[in-house]
Amino acid sequence: MRAIMVREHGGFDALRVEEVPTPELGPGDALVEIRASGVNHLDAWVRRGVPGHRFPLPMILGCDGAGVVTAVGAGVTSVRPGDEVVLAPGLSCGACLPCAEGRDHLCAAYGILGETRHGTAAQFASVPARNCMRKPASLSFAEAAAVPLVFLTAWGMLIDRAGLRAGEVVLVLAAGSGVSSAAVQIARLFGATVIATASTARKREAALALGAHVVVDHSAPDWGKEVFAATGRRGCDVVVEHVGTPTFATSLRALRKGGRLVTCGATAGSEVTLDLKPVFFKSLSILGSTMGSRGSLMRVLDLVEQGRLKPVLDRVLPLADVAQAHRALEDRTAFGKIVLEP
């Protein structure tokens, strides 16, 4: 089968389209013919490498996927050949206390497809059968592949970590990203007022169309003042942050007393300078968040099935154009998700 393999860290030339053996099935696994695979910043981190972290290379990339089950391993009864499925990206032991409590993303053995186990950027993928969830019938395979990682991450940030409540004001950084385009929708669904940021006129228009009430340009030097004015000078209850170094200080200042900043990444730099005085004087919370539980993804997929949440698909490219996809991701030219088709 064809697959996108990273054998050593590097630039776009580290993305190799290779012919590799079709994966074998283990007990409890399902073999899925991948019809579409989502592209995420995690793919770029695996390709480039992260200082202080060791990825188990070589690795087939791809966290998100949708396709058709073609075979199942011993003991599998939850899916069968012919089922159309969307793949949950998280991997856990299934036996520890966090897993038993439905907090599998906090499992000590937690991993992600395409990061700790071969992923979905291939013609076939072998995954634990419990990672196969029914594909919403209303979605194409490309649309379904655009859902799991970003909506699960956004749900984990807003609902599980920040405890979003109806009527609150939410600031969503970089609305054109996959996570933020999902966060705008989730915040609106839960009755929040949404202020989004985007660096181009095209993305600002798209964010408004997606449901943001106000959109500001975070490349402007005084964008924080514009956010503050949009809240009636009260500040925001919640900030969804994943940009990092260039925006973190302003994001923190945008919070009102008792506000919560939740971050899932640092796509533009992870080093920040923090003045603790406003943190304790204003009773602020800074929350980290990575992924979310399988149960949360099931809730997301139900809402997608109902049409209350919608995947934001920027473009679909053939698997061989993976370098173009990574370049668009790093140049921030996309609004929503880029998906590859084998």
C-alpha atoms as a PDB file:
ATOM      1  CA  MET A   1       0.000   0.000   0.000  1.00  0.00           C
ATOM      2  CA  ARG A   2       0.995   3.681  -0.344  1.00  0.00           C
ATOM      3  CA  ALA A   3       1.713   5.573   2.840  1.00  0.00           C
ATOM      4  CA  ILE A   4       3.257   8.857   4.012  1.00  0.00           C
ATOM      5  CA  MET A   5       6.318   7.800   5.994  1.00  0.00           C
ATOM      6  CA  VAL A   6       8.683   9.920   8.099  1.00  0.00           C
ATOM      7  CA  ARG A   7      11.960   8.114   8.692  1.00  0.00           C
ATOM      8  CA  GLU A   8      13.969  11.032  10.033  1.00  0.00           C
ATOM      9  CA  HIS A   9      13.086  14.548  11.136  1.00  0.00           C
ATOM     10  CA  GLY A  10      13.438  17.350   8.624  1.00  0.00           C
ATOM     11  CA  GLY A  11      11.730  19.665   6.190  1.00  0.00           C
ATOM     12  CA  PHE A  12       9.115  18.886   3.587  1.00  0.00           C
ATOM     13  CA  ASP A  13      11.519  16.451   1.934  1.00  0.00           C
ATOM     14  CA  ALA A  14      11.198  14.228   5.026  1.00  0.00           C
ATOM     15  CA  LEU A  15       7.675  13.359   3.827  1.00  0.00           C
ATOM     16  CA  ARG A  16       8.100  10.174   1.802  1.00  0.00           C
ATOM     17  CA  VAL A  17       5.373   8.561  -0.276  1.00  0.00           C
ATOM     18  CA  GLU A  18       6.362   4.906   0.008  1.00  0.00           C
ATOM     19  CA  GLU A  19       5.076   1.461  -0.863  1.00  0.00           C
ATOM     20  CA  VAL A  20       4.932  -0.461   2.416  1.00  0.00           C
ATOM     21  CA  PRO A  21       3.309  -3.741   3.494  1.00  0.00           C
ATOM     22  CA  THR A  22      -0.386  -3.589   4.327  1.00  0.00           C
ATOM     23  CA  PRO A  23      -0.562  -3.743   8.144  1.00  0.00           C
ATOM     24  CA  GLU A  24      -1.357  -7.025   9.829  1.00  0.00           C
ATOM     25  CA  LEU A  25      -4.222  -7.424  12.245  1.00  0.00           C
ATOM     26  CA  GLY A  26      -3.648  -8.124  15.908  1.00  0.00           C
ATOM     27  CA  PRO A  27      -6.254  -9.343  18.404  1.00  0.00           C
ATOM     28  CA  GLY A  28      -8.806  -6.618  19.039  1.00  0.00           C
ATOM     29  CA  ASP A  29      -7.803  -4.660  15.931  1.00  0.00           C
ATOM     30  CA  ALA A  30      -9.677  -3.614  12.806  1.00  0.00           C
ATOM     31  CA  LEU A  31      -8.215  -3.088   9.349  1.00  0.00           C
ATOM     32  CA  VAL A  32      -9.675   0.018   7.742  1.00  0.00           C
ATOM     33  CA  GLU A  33      -9.407   1.022   4.109  1.00  0.00           C
ATOM     34  CA  ILE A  34      -8.720   4.734   4.487  1.00  0.00           C
ATOM     35  CA  ARG A  35     -10.798   6.926   2.194  1.00  0.00           C
ATOM     36  CA  ALA A  36      -9.617  10.238   3.706  1.00  0.00           C
ATOM     37  CA  SER A  37      -6.997  11.346   6.230  1.00  0.00           C
ATOM     38  CA  GLY A  38      -6.875  14.691   8.030  1.00  0.00           C
ATOM     39  CA  VAL A  39      -3.723  16.827   8.293  1.00  0.00           C
ATOM     40  CA  ASN A  40      -2.891  18.403  11.665  1.00  0.00           C
ATOM     41  CA  HIS A  41      -0.109  20.417  13.280  1.00  0.00           C
ATOM     42  CA  LEU A  42       0.878  17.229  15.110  1.00  0.00           C
ATOM     43  CA  ASP A  43       1.910  15.780  11.730  1.00  0.00           C
ATOM     44  CA  ALA A  44       4.264  18.726  11.246  1.00  0.00           C
ATOM     45  CA  TRP A  45       5.710  18.273  14.738  1.00  0.00           C
ATOM     46  CA  VAL A  46       6.389  14.591  14.059  1.00  0.00           C
ATOM     47  CA  ARG A  47       8.028  15.536  10.768  1.00  0.00           C
ATOM     48  CA  ARG A  48      10.154  18.352  12.206  1.00  0.00           C
ATOM     49  CA  GLY A  49      10.826  16.856  15.611  1.00  0.00           C
ATOM     50  CA  VAL A  50      10.270  18.475  19.007  1.00  0.00           C
ATOM     51  CA  PRO A  51      13.279  19.268  21.223  1.00  0.00           C
ATOM     52  CA  GLY A  52      13.288  17.025  24.272  1.00  0.00           C
ATOM     53  CA  HIS A  53      10.737  14.589  22.854  1.00  0.00           C
ATOM     54  CA  ARG A  54      11.500  11.362  21.035  1.00  0.00           C
ATOM     55  CA  PHE A  55       9.104  10.087  18.385  1.00  0.00           C
ATOM     56  CA  PRO A  56       9.298   6.365  17.514  1.00  0.00           C
ATOM     57  CA  LEU A  57      10.429   6.763  13.898  1.00  0.00           C
ATOM     58  CA  PRO A  58       9.838   5.528  11.275  1.00  0.00           C
ATOM     59  CA  MET A  59       6.211   6.577  11.486  1.00  0.00           C
ATOM     60  CA  ILE A  60       3.257   6.674   9.096  1.00  0.00           C
ATOM     61  CA  LEU A  61       1.641  10.061   9.707  1.00  0.00           C
ATOM     62  CA  GLY A  62      -2.047  10.819  10.202  1.00  0.00           C
ATOM     63  CA  CYS A  63      -4.174  11.288  13.330  1.00  0.00           C
ATOM     64  CA  ASP A  64      -7.599  11.565  11.679  1.00  0.00           C
ATOM     65  CA  GLY A  65      -9.165   9.126   9.290  1.00  0.00           C
ATOM     66  CA  ALA A  66     -12.389   7.845   7.810  1.00  0.00           C
ATOM     67  CA  GLY A  67     -12.950   4.742   5.757  1.00  0.00           C
ATOM     68  CA  VAL A  68     -14.412   1.248   5.501  1.00  0.00           C
ATOM     69  CA  VAL A  69     -13.621  -1.724   7.722  1.00  0.00           C
ATOM     70  CA  THR A  70     -12.244  -4.573   5.607  1.00  0.00           C
ATOM     71  CA  ALA A  71     -11.286  -7.122   8.283  1.00  0.00           C
ATOM     72  CA  VAL A  72     -11.306  -7.569  12.055  1.00  0.00           C
ATOM     73  CA  GLY A  73      -9.006  -9.374  14.452  1.00  0.00           C
ATOM     74  CA  ALA A  74      -9.783 -12.017  17.043  1.00  0.00           C
ATOM     75  CA  GLY A  75     -12.353 -11.034  19.638  1.00  0.00           C
ATOM     76  CA  VAL A  76     -13.766  -8.039  17.763  1.00  0.00           C
ATOM     77  CA  THR A  77     -17.551  -7.737  17.843  1.00  0.00           C
ATOM     78  CA  SER A  78     -18.072  -3.960  17.837  1.00  0.00           C
ATOM     79  CA  VAL A  79     -17.475  -3.532  14.080  1.00  0.00           C
ATOM     80  CA  ARG A  80     -17.553  -5.770  11.051  1.00  0.00           C
ATOM     81  CA  PRO A  81     -16.337  -5.654   7.452  1.00  0.00           C
ATOM     82  CA  GLY A  82     -18.276  -3.142   5.378  1.00  0.00           C
ATOM     83  CA  ASP A  83     -18.878  -0.682   8.221  1.00  0.00           C
ATOM     84  CA  GLU A  84     -18.180   2.961   7.382  1.00  0.00           C
ATOM     85  CA  VAL A  85     -16.235   4.435  10.264  1.00  0.00           C
ATOM     86  CA  VAL A  86     -14.471   7.531  11.517  1.00  0.00           C
ATOM     87  CA  LEU A  87     -11.394   6.890  13.632  1.00  0.00           C
ATOM     88  CA  ALA A  88     -10.851   8.207  17.143  1.00  0.00           C
ATOM     89  CA  PRO A  89      -7.216   9.406  17.245  1.00  0.00           C
ATOM     90  CA  GLY A  90      -6.470   8.610  20.907  1.00  0.00           C
ATOM     91  CA  LEU A  91      -4.864   5.382  22.124  1.00  0.00           C
ATOM     92  CA  SER A  92      -5.052   4.164  25.712  1.00  0.00           C
ATOM     93  CA  CYS A  93      -4.678   0.964  27.739  1.00  0.00           C
ATOM     94  CA  GLY A  94      -8.395   0.613  28.489  1.00  0.00           C
ATOM     95  CA  ALA A  95      -7.701  -0.936  31.890  1.00  0.00           C
ATOM     96  CA  CYS A  96      -6.369   1.759  34.249  1.00  0.00           C
ATOM     97  CA  LEU A  97      -8.395   3.995  36.594  1.00  0.00           C
ATOM     98  CA  PRO A  98      -8.598   7.014  34.231  1.00  0.00           C
ATOM     99  CA  CYS A  99      -9.731   4.728  31.394  1.00  0.00           C
ATOM    100  CA  ALA A 100     -12.341   3.096  33.648  1.00  0.00           C
ATOM    101  CA  GLU A 101     -13.607   6.544  34.656  1.00  0.00           C
ATOM    102  CA  GLY A 102     -13.981   7.677  31.043  1.00  0.00           C
ATOM    103  CA  ARG A 103     -10.898   9.891  31.193  1.00  0.00           C
ATOM    104  CA  ASP A 104      -8.864   7.776  28.797  1.00  0.00           C
ATOM    105  CA  HIS A 105      -6.950  10.833  27.524  1.00  0.00           C
ATOM    106  CA  LEU A 106      -5.297  10.938  30.978  1.00  0.00           C
ATOM    107  CA  CYS A 107      -4.114   7.317  30.736  1.00  0.00           C
ATOM    108  CA  ALA A 108      -0.394   6.998  31.534  1.00  0.00           C
ATOM    109  CA  ALA A 109      -0.007   5.033  28.285  1.00  0.00           C
ATOM    110  CA  TYR A 110      -1.977   7.538  26.182  1.00  0.00           C
ATOM    111  CA  GLY A 111      -0.836   8.065  22.619  1.00  0.00           C
ATOM    112  CA  ILE A 112      -2.166   9.315  19.303  1.00  0.00           C
ATOM    113  CA  LEU A 113      -2.372   7.700  15.873  1.00  0.00           C
ATOM    114  CA  GLY A 114       0.460   8.955  13.700  1.00  0.00           C
ATOM    115  CA  GLU A 115       2.525   9.866  16.749  1.00  0.00           C
ATOM    116  CA  THR A 116       2.947   6.698  18.828  1.00  0.00           C
ATOM    117  CA  ARG A 117       1.458   4.148  16.399  1.00  0.00           C
ATOM    118  CA  HIS A 118       1.299   4.155  12.601  1.00  0.00           C
ATOM    119  CA  GLY A 119      -1.439   6.495  11.467  1.00  0.00           C
ATOM    120  CA  THR A 120      -3.992   7.117   8.770  1.00  0.00           C
ATOM    121  CA  ALA A 121      -2.047   8.767   5.934  1.00  0.00           C
ATOM    122  CA  ALA A 122      -2.087   5.529   3.975  1.00  0.00           C
ATOM    123  CA  GLN A 123      -4.384   3.305   1.953  1.00  0.00           C
ATOM    124  CA  PHE A 124      -4.994   1.063   4.981  1.00  0.00           C
ATOM    125  CA  ALA A 125      -4.611   1.416   8.736  1.00  0.00           C
ATOM    126  CA  SER A 126      -4.762  -1.172  11.505  1.00  0.00           C
ATOM    127  CA  VAL A 127      -6.273   0.359  14.651  1.00  0.00           C
ATOM    128  CA  PRO A 128      -7.842  -0.878  17.884  1.00  0.00           C
ATOM    129  CA  ALA A 129     -11.441  -1.735  17.039  1.00  0.00           C
ATOM    130  CA  ARG A 130     -12.657   0.529  19.874  1.00  0.00           C
ATOM    131  CA  ASN A 131     -11.239   3.461  17.875  1.00  0.00           C
ATOM    132  CA  CYS A 132     -13.756   2.803  15.098  1.00  0.00           C
ATOM    133  CA  MET A 133     -16.871   4.948  15.458  1.00  0.00           C
ATOM    134  CA  ARG A 134     -19.824   5.033  13.112  1.00  0.00           C
ATOM    135  CA  LYS A 135     -19.393   7.632  10.387  1.00  0.00           C
ATOM    136  CA  PRO A 136     -22.256  10.133  10.308  1.00  0.00           C
ATOM    137  CA  ALA A 137     -24.213   9.155   7.211  1.00  0.00           C
ATOM    138  CA  SER A 138     -24.638  12.752   6.114  1.00  0.00           C
ATOM    139  CA  LEU A 139     -20.894  13.313   5.784  1.00  0.00           C
ATOM    140  CA  SER A 140     -18.540  12.437   2.962  1.00  0.00           C
ATOM    141  CA  PHE A 141     -15.395  10.569   3.962  1.00  0.00           C
ATOM    142  CA  ALA A 142     -13.376  13.777   3.541  1.00  0.00           C
ATOM    143  CA  GLU A 143     -15.754  15.707   5.802  1.00  0.00           C
ATOM    144  CA  ALA A 144     -15.709  12.928   8.400  1.00  0.00           C
ATOM    145  CA  ALA A 145     -11.903  12.881   8.450  1.00  0.00           C
ATOM    146  CA  ALA A 146     -11.947  16.607   9.255  1.00  0.00           C
ATOM    147  CA  VAL A 147     -13.811  16.086  12.537  1.00  0.00           C
ATOM    148  CA  PRO A 148     -12.062  13.953  15.179  1.00  0.00           C
ATOM    149  CA  LEU A 149      -8.879  15.606  16.417  1.00  0.00           C
ATOM    150  CA  VAL A 150      -9.869  19.267  16.155  1.00  0.00           C
ATOM    151  CA  PHE A 151     -13.418  18.958  17.487  1.00  0.00           C
ATOM    152  CA  LEU A 152     -12.293  16.639  20.284  1.00  0.00           C
ATOM    153  CA  THR A 153      -9.540  19.092  21.228  1.00  0.00           C
ATOM    154  CA  ALA A 154     -11.861  22.102  21.147  1.00  0.00           C
ATOM    155  CA  TRP A 155     -14.521  20.269  23.165  1.00  0.00           C
ATOM    156  CA  GLY A 156     -11.924  19.226  25.735  1.00  0.00           C
ATOM    157  CA  MET A 157     -10.724  22.819  26.056  1.00  0.00           C
ATOM    158  CA  LEU A 158     -14.076  24.576  26.307  1.00  0.00           C
ATOM    159  CA  ILE A 159     -16.347  22.041  27.992  1.00  0.00           C
ATOM    160  CA  ASP A 160     -14.141  19.685  29.986  1.00  0.00           C
ATOM    161  CA  ARG A 161     -11.380  22.073  31.086  1.00  0.00           C
ATOM    162  CA  ALA A 162     -12.808  25.614  31.000  1.00  0.00           C
ATOM    163  CA  GLY A 163     -16.315  24.574  32.056  1.00  0.00           C
ATOM    164  CA  LEU A 164     -17.982  26.956  29.613  1.00  0.00           C
ATOM    165  CA  ARG A 165     -21.353  28.321  30.735  1.00  0.00           C
ATOM    166  CA  ALA A 166     -24.146  29.900  28.720  1.00  0.00           C
ATOM    167  CA  GLY A 167     -23.891  33.661  28.441  1.00  0.00           C
ATOM    168  CA  GLU A 168     -20.129  33.817  28.842  1.00  0.00           C
ATOM    169  CA  VAL A 169     -17.796  35.662  26.477  1.00  0.00           C
ATOM    170  CA  VAL A 170     -15.222  33.498  24.711  1.00  0.00           C
ATOM    171  CA  LEU A 171     -12.173  34.747  22.820  1.00  0.00           C
ATOM    172  CA  VAL A 172     -10.980  32.251  20.182  1.00  0.00           C
ATOM    173  CA  LEU A 173      -7.485  32.879  18.812  1.00  0.00           C
ATOM    174  CA  ALA A 174      -6.643  32.158  15.159  1.00  0.00           C
ATOM    175  CA  ALA A 175     -10.124  31.227  13.981  1.00  0.00           C
ATOM    176  CA  GLY A 176      -8.775  29.818  10.713  1.00  0.00           C
ATOM    177  CA  SER A 177      -7.115  26.875  12.440  1.00  0.00           C
ATOM    178  CA  GLY A 178      -8.868  23.531  12.655  1.00  0.00           C
ATOM    179  CA  VAL A 179      -9.207  23.653  16.456  1.00  0.00           C
ATOM    180  CA  SER A 180     -10.430  27.242  16.518  1.00  0.00           C
ATOM    181  CA  SER A 181     -12.949  26.772  13.699  1.00  0.00           C
ATOM    182  CA  ALA A 182     -14.375  23.968  15.851  1.00  0.00           C
ATOM    183  CA  ALA A 183     -14.185  26.080  19.025  1.00  0.00           C
ATOM    184  CA  VAL A 184     -16.195  28.919  17.463  1.00  0.00           C
ATOM    185  CA  GLN A 185     -19.021  26.478  16.730  1.00  0.00           C
ATOM    186  CA  ILE A 186     -18.934  24.751  20.113  1.00  0.00           C
ATOM    187  CA  ALA A 187     -18.940  28.069  21.991  1.00  0.00           C
ATOM    188  CA  ARG A 188     -21.940  29.271  19.960  1.00  0.00           C
ATOM    189  CA  LEU A 189     -23.726  25.959  20.532  1.00  0.00           C
ATOM    190  CA  PHE A 190     -23.386  26.431  24.302  1.00  0.00           C
ATOM    191  CA  GLY A 191     -24.777  29.949  24.215  1.00  0.00           C
ATOM    192  CA  ALA A 192     -21.577  31.984  24.454  1.00  0.00           C
ATOM    193  CA  THR A 193     -20.765  35.293  22.822  1.00  0.00           C
ATOM    194  CA  VAL A 194     -17.785  34.590  20.557  1.00  0.00           C
ATOM    195  CA  ILE A 195     -14.988  37.007  19.743  1.00  0.00           C
ATOM    196  CA  ALA A 196     -12.570  35.485  17.243  1.00  0.00           C
ATOM    197  CA  THR A 197      -9.267  36.638  15.809  1.00  0.00           C
ATOM    198  CA  ALA A 198      -7.873  36.158  12.308  1.00  0.00           C
ATOM    199  CA  SER A 199      -5.002  37.761  10.444  1.00  0.00           C
ATOM    200  CA  THR A 200      -6.533  38.160   6.964  1.00  0.00           C
ATOM    201  CA  ALA A 201      -9.748  39.687   5.668  1.00  0.00           C
ATOM    202  CA  ARG A 202     -10.744  36.384   4.036  1.00  0.00           C
ATOM    203  CA  LYS A 203     -10.413  34.521   7.319  1.00  0.00           C
ATOM    204  CA  ARG A 204     -12.250  37.209   9.257  1.00  0.00           C
ATOM    205  CA  GLU A 205     -15.168  36.967   6.856  1.00  0.00           C
ATOM    206  CA  ALA A 206     -15.134  33.173   7.143  1.00  0.00           C
ATOM    207  CA  ALA A 207     -15.095  33.366  10.956  1.00  0.00           C
ATOM    208  CA  LEU A 208     -18.147  35.607  10.935  1.00  0.00           C
ATOM    209  CA  ALA A 209     -19.913  33.207   8.570  1.00  0.00           C
ATOM    210  CA  LEU A 210     -19.044  30.369  10.949  1.00  0.00           C
ATOM    211  CA  GLY A 211     -20.800  32.079  13.833  1.00  0.00           C
ATOM    212  CA  ALA A 212     -18.392  34.485  15.534  1.00  0.00           C
ATOM    213  CA  HIS A 213     -20.130  37.639  16.781  1.00  0.00           C
ATOM    214  CA  VAL A 214     -17.035  39.846  16.476  1.00  0.00           C
ATOM    215  CA  VAL A 215     -13.731  39.248  14.673  1.00  0.00           C
ATOM    216  CA  VAL A 216     -10.515  41.242  15.181  1.00  0.00           C
ATOM    217  CA  ASP A 217      -7.139  41.195  13.464  1.00  0.00           C
ATOM    218  CA  HIS A 218      -4.572  39.733  15.872  1.00  0.00           C
ATOM    219  CA  SER A 219      -1.728  40.931  13.633  1.00  0.00           C
ATOM    220  CA  ALA A 220      -2.623  44.537  14.542  1.00  0.00           C
ATOM    221  CA  PRO A 221      -0.503  45.916  17.418  1.00  0.00           C
ATOM    222  CA  ASP A 222      -3.529  47.024  19.468  1.00  0.00           C
ATOM    223  CA  TRP A 223      -5.754  44.003  18.881  1.00  0.00           C
ATOM    224  CA  GLY A 224      -6.126  43.452  22.621  1.00  0.00           C
ATOM    225  CA  LYS A 225      -7.733  46.871  23.035  1.00  0.00           C
ATOM    226  CA  GLU A 226     -10.235  46.012  20.321  1.00  0.00           C
ATOM    227  CA  VAL A 227     -11.145  42.788  22.125  1.00  0.00           C
ATOM    228  CA  PHE A 228     -11.521  44.685  25.417  1.00  0.00           C
ATOM    229  CA  ALA A 229     -13.784  47.255  23.761  1.00  0.00           C
ATOM    230  CA  ALA A 230     -15.910  44.487  22.218  1.00  0.00           C
ATOM    231  CA  THR A 231     -16.641  43.135  25.716  1.00  0.00           C
ATOM    232  CA  GLY A 232     -17.882  46.502  26.956  1.00  0.00           C
ATOM    233  CA  ARG A 233     -14.573  46.871  28.810  1.00  0.00           C
ATOM    234  CA  ARG A 234     -15.370  43.917  31.064  1.00  0.00           C
ATOM    235  CA  GLY A 235     -12.997  41.339  29.595  1.00  0.00           C
ATOM    236  CA  CYS A 236     -13.523  37.749  28.474  1.00  0.00           C
ATOM    237  CA  ASP A 237     -14.579  34.782  30.575  1.00  0.00           C
ATOM    238  CA  VAL A 238     -12.643  32.223  28.532  1.00  0.00           C
ATOM    239  CA  VAL A 239      -9.755  32.452  26.056  1.00  0.00           C
ATOM    240  CA  VAL A 240      -8.983  29.589  23.645  1.00  0.00           C
ATOM    241  CA  GLU A 241      -5.241  29.907  23.039  1.00  0.00           C
ATOM    242  CA  HIS A 242      -2.866  27.763  20.986  1.00  0.00           C
ATOM    243  CA  VAL A 243      -0.694  30.311  19.178  1.00  0.00           C
ATOM    244  CA  GLY A 244       1.757  30.829  22.033  1.00  0.00           C
ATOM    245  CA  THR A 245       4.551  33.381  22.196  1.00  0.00           C
ATOM    246  CA  PRO A 246       3.141  36.193  19.998  1.00  0.00           C
ATOM    247  CA  THR A 247      -0.342  36.260  21.568  1.00  0.00           C
ATOM    248  CA  PHE A 248      -0.188  34.738  25.050  1.00  0.00           C
ATOM    249  CA  ALA A 249       0.403  37.928  27.079  1.00  0.00           C
ATOM    250  CA  THR A 250      -2.407  39.795  25.326  1.00  0.00           C
ATOM    251  CA  SER A 251      -4.696  36.770  25.655  1.00  0.00           C
ATOM    252  CA  LEU A 252      -4.099  36.719  29.409  1.00  0.00           C
ATOM    253  CA  ARG A 253      -4.774  40.461  29.717  1.00  0.00           C
ATOM    254  CA  ALA A 254      -8.063  39.960  27.864  1.00  0.00           C
ATOM    255  CA  LEU A 255      -9.520  37.967  30.789  1.00  0.00           C
ATOM    256  CA  ARG A 256     -11.908  39.444  33.307  1.00  0.00           C
ATOM    257  CA  LYS A 257     -11.694  38.574  37.013  1.00  0.00           C
ATOM    258  CA  GLY A 258     -12.123  34.840  37.466  1.00  0.00           C
ATOM    259  CA  GLY A 259     -11.428  34.222  33.794  1.00  0.00           C
ATOM    260  CA  ARG A 260      -9.896  31.048  32.362  1.00  0.00           C
ATOM    261  CA  LEU A 261      -7.263  30.773  29.641  1.00  0.00           C
ATOM    262  CA  VAL A 262      -7.038  27.277  28.170  1.00  0.00           C
ATOM    263  CA  THR A 263      -4.224  26.263  25.828  1.00  0.00           C
ATOM    264  CA  CYS A 264      -3.713  23.149  23.739  1.00  0.00           C
ATOM    265  CA  GLY A 265      -0.523  24.082  21.904  1.00  0.00           C
ATOM    266  CA  ALA A 266       1.991  26.660  20.832  1.00  0.00           C
ATOM    267  CA  THR A 267       2.153  26.735  17.051  1.00  0.00           C
ATOM    268  CA  ALA A 268       4.123  30.013  16.977  1.00  0.00           C
ATOM    269  CA  GLY A 269       6.388  29.441  19.980  1.00  0.00           C
ATOM    270  CA  SER A 270       6.152  27.972  23.485  1.00  0.00           C
ATOM    271  CA  GLU A 271       8.299  30.404  25.494  1.00  0.00           C
ATOM    272  CA  VAL A 272       6.272  33.087  27.310  1.00  0.00           C
ATOM    273  CA  THR A 273       6.971  35.590  30.086  1.00  0.00           C
ATOM    274  CA  LEU A 274       4.386  35.528  32.851  1.00  0.00           C
ATOM    275  CA  ASP A 275       3.687  38.271  35.372  1.00  0.00           C
ATOM    276  CA  LEU A 276       2.046  36.455  38.282  1.00  0.00           C
ATOM    277  CA  LYS A 277       0.460  39.538  39.856  1.00  0.00           C
ATOM    278  CA  PRO A 278      -2.632  39.679  37.595  1.00  0.00           C
ATOM    279  CA  VAL A 279      -2.965  35.897  37.869  1.00  0.00           C
ATOM    280  CA  PHE A 280      -3.588  36.014  41.606  1.00  0.00           C
ATOM    281  CA  PHE A 281      -5.068  39.515  41.885  1.00  0.00           C
ATOM    282  CA  LYS A 282      -7.711  38.680  39.242  1.00  0.00           C
ATOM    283  CA  SER A 283      -8.098  35.012  40.287  1.00  0.00           C
ATOM    284  CA  LEU A 284      -7.231  33.825  36.795  1.00  0.00           C
ATOM    285  CA  SER A 285      -6.854  30.199  35.738  1.00  0.00           C
ATOM    286  CA  ILE A 286      -4.334  28.976  33.149  1.00  0.00           C
ATOM    287  CA  LEU A 287      -5.388  25.514  31.974  1.00  0.00           C
ATOM    288  CA  GLY A 288      -3.563  23.037  29.795  1.00  0.00           C
ATOM    289  CA  SER A 289      -5.539  20.665  27.604  1.00  0.00           C
ATOM    290  CA  THR A 290      -4.600  17.810  25.281  1.00  0.00           C
ATOM    291  CA  MET A 291      -7.206  15.913  23.277  1.00  0.00           C
ATOM    292  CA  GLY A 292     -10.238  14.556  25.162  1.00  0.00           C
ATOM    293  CA  SER A 293     -12.073  11.365  26.025  1.00  0.00           C
ATOM    294  CA  ARG A 294     -13.675   8.882  23.646  1.00  0.00           C
ATOM    295  CA  GLY A 295     -16.987   9.758  25.276  1.00  0.00           C
ATOM    296  CA  SER A 296     -16.533  13.398  24.328  1.00  0.00           C
ATOM    297  CA  LEU A 297     -15.849  12.407  20.720  1.00  0.00           C
ATOM    298  CA  MET A 298     -19.045  10.353  20.710  1.00  0.00           C
ATOM    299  CA  ARG A 299     -20.952  13.451  21.843  1.00  0.00           C
ATOM    300  CA  VAL A 300     -19.307  15.500  19.097  1.00  0.00           C
ATOM    301  CA  LEU A 301     -20.202  12.951  16.427  1.00  0.00           C
ATOM    302  CA  ASP A 302     -23.829  12.909  17.633  1.00  0.00           C
ATOM    303  CA  LEU A 303     -23.975  16.708  17.282  1.00  0.00           C
ATOM    304  CA  VAL A 304     -22.392  16.471  13.825  1.00  0.00           C
ATOM    305  CA  GLU A 305     -25.006  13.874  12.874  1.00  0.00           C
ATOM    306  CA  GLN A 306     -27.712  16.321  14.000  1.00  0.00           C
ATOM    307  CA  GLY A 307     -26.176  19.102  11.894  1.00  0.00           C
ATOM    308  CA  ARG A 308     -25.454  21.250  14.968  1.00  0.00           C
ATOM    309  CA  LEU A 309     -21.679  21.077  14.412  1.00  0.00           C
ATOM    310  CA  LYS A 310     -20.129  21.012  10.960  1.00  0.00           C
ATOM    311  CA  PRO A 311     -16.633  20.109   9.746  1.00  0.00           C
ATOM    312  CA  VAL A 312     -14.793  23.005   8.129  1.00  0.00           C
ATOM    313  CA  LEU A 313     -13.011  21.625   5.076  1.00  0.00           C
ATOM    314  CA  ASP A 314     -10.516  23.952   3.388  1.00  0.00           C
ATOM    315  CA  ARG A 315      -9.287  21.635   0.649  1.00  0.00           C
ATOM    316  CA  VAL A 316      -8.858  17.989  -0.356  1.00  0.00           C
ATOM    317  CA  LEU A 317      -5.551  16.902  -1.877  1.00  0.00           C
ATOM    318  CA  PRO A 318      -4.209  13.587  -3.159  1.00  0.00           C
ATOM    319  CA  LEU A 319      -1.904  11.712  -0.791  1.00  0.00           C
ATOM    320  CA  ALA A 320       1.069  12.439  -3.051  1.00  0.00           C
ATOM    321  CA  ASP A 321       0.618  16.192  -2.426  1.00  0.00           C
ATOM    322  CA  VAL A 322       1.300  15.860   1.306  1.00  0.00           C
ATOM    323  CA  ALA A 323       4.164  18.386   1.136  1.00  0.00           C
ATOM    324  CA  GLN A 324       1.762  20.966  -0.295  1.00  0.00           C
ATOM    325  CA  ALA A 325      -0.601  20.269   2.599  1.00  0.00           C
ATOM    326  CA  HIS A 326       2.165  20.759   5.172  1.00  0.00           C
ATOM    327  CA  ARG A 327       3.296  23.948   3.480  1.00  0.00           C
ATOM    328  CA  ALA A 328      -0.233  25.379   3.583  1.00  0.00           C
ATOM    329  CA  LEU A 329      -0.497  24.409   7.247  1.00  0.00           C
ATOM    330  CA  GLU A 330       2.740  26.169   8.160  1.00  0.00           C
ATOM    331  CA  ASP A 331       2.016  29.201   5.963  1.00  0.00           C
ATOM    332  CA  ARG A 332      -1.407  29.486   7.639  1.00  0.00           C
ATOM    333  CA  THR A 333      -3.207  29.885   4.318  1.00  0.00           C
ATOM    334  CA  ALA A 334      -5.962  27.399   5.133  1.00  0.00           C
ATOM    335  CA  PHE A 335      -9.249  28.043   6.924  1.00  0.00           C
ATOM    336  CA  GLY A 336     -10.270  24.811   8.615  1.00  0.00           C
ATOM    337  CA  LYS A 337      -8.919  21.382   7.756  1.00  0.00           C
ATOM    338  CA  ILE A 338      -6.829  20.017   4.902  1.00  0.00           C
ATOM    339  CA  VAL A 339      -7.626  16.416   4.032  1.00  0.00           C
ATOM    340  CA  LEU A 340      -5.700  13.866   1.966  1.00  0.00           C
ATOM    341  CA  GLU A 341      -7.262  11.159  -0.174  1.00  0.00           C
ATOM    342  CA  PRO A 342      -5.246   8.019  -1.148  1.00  0.00           C
END
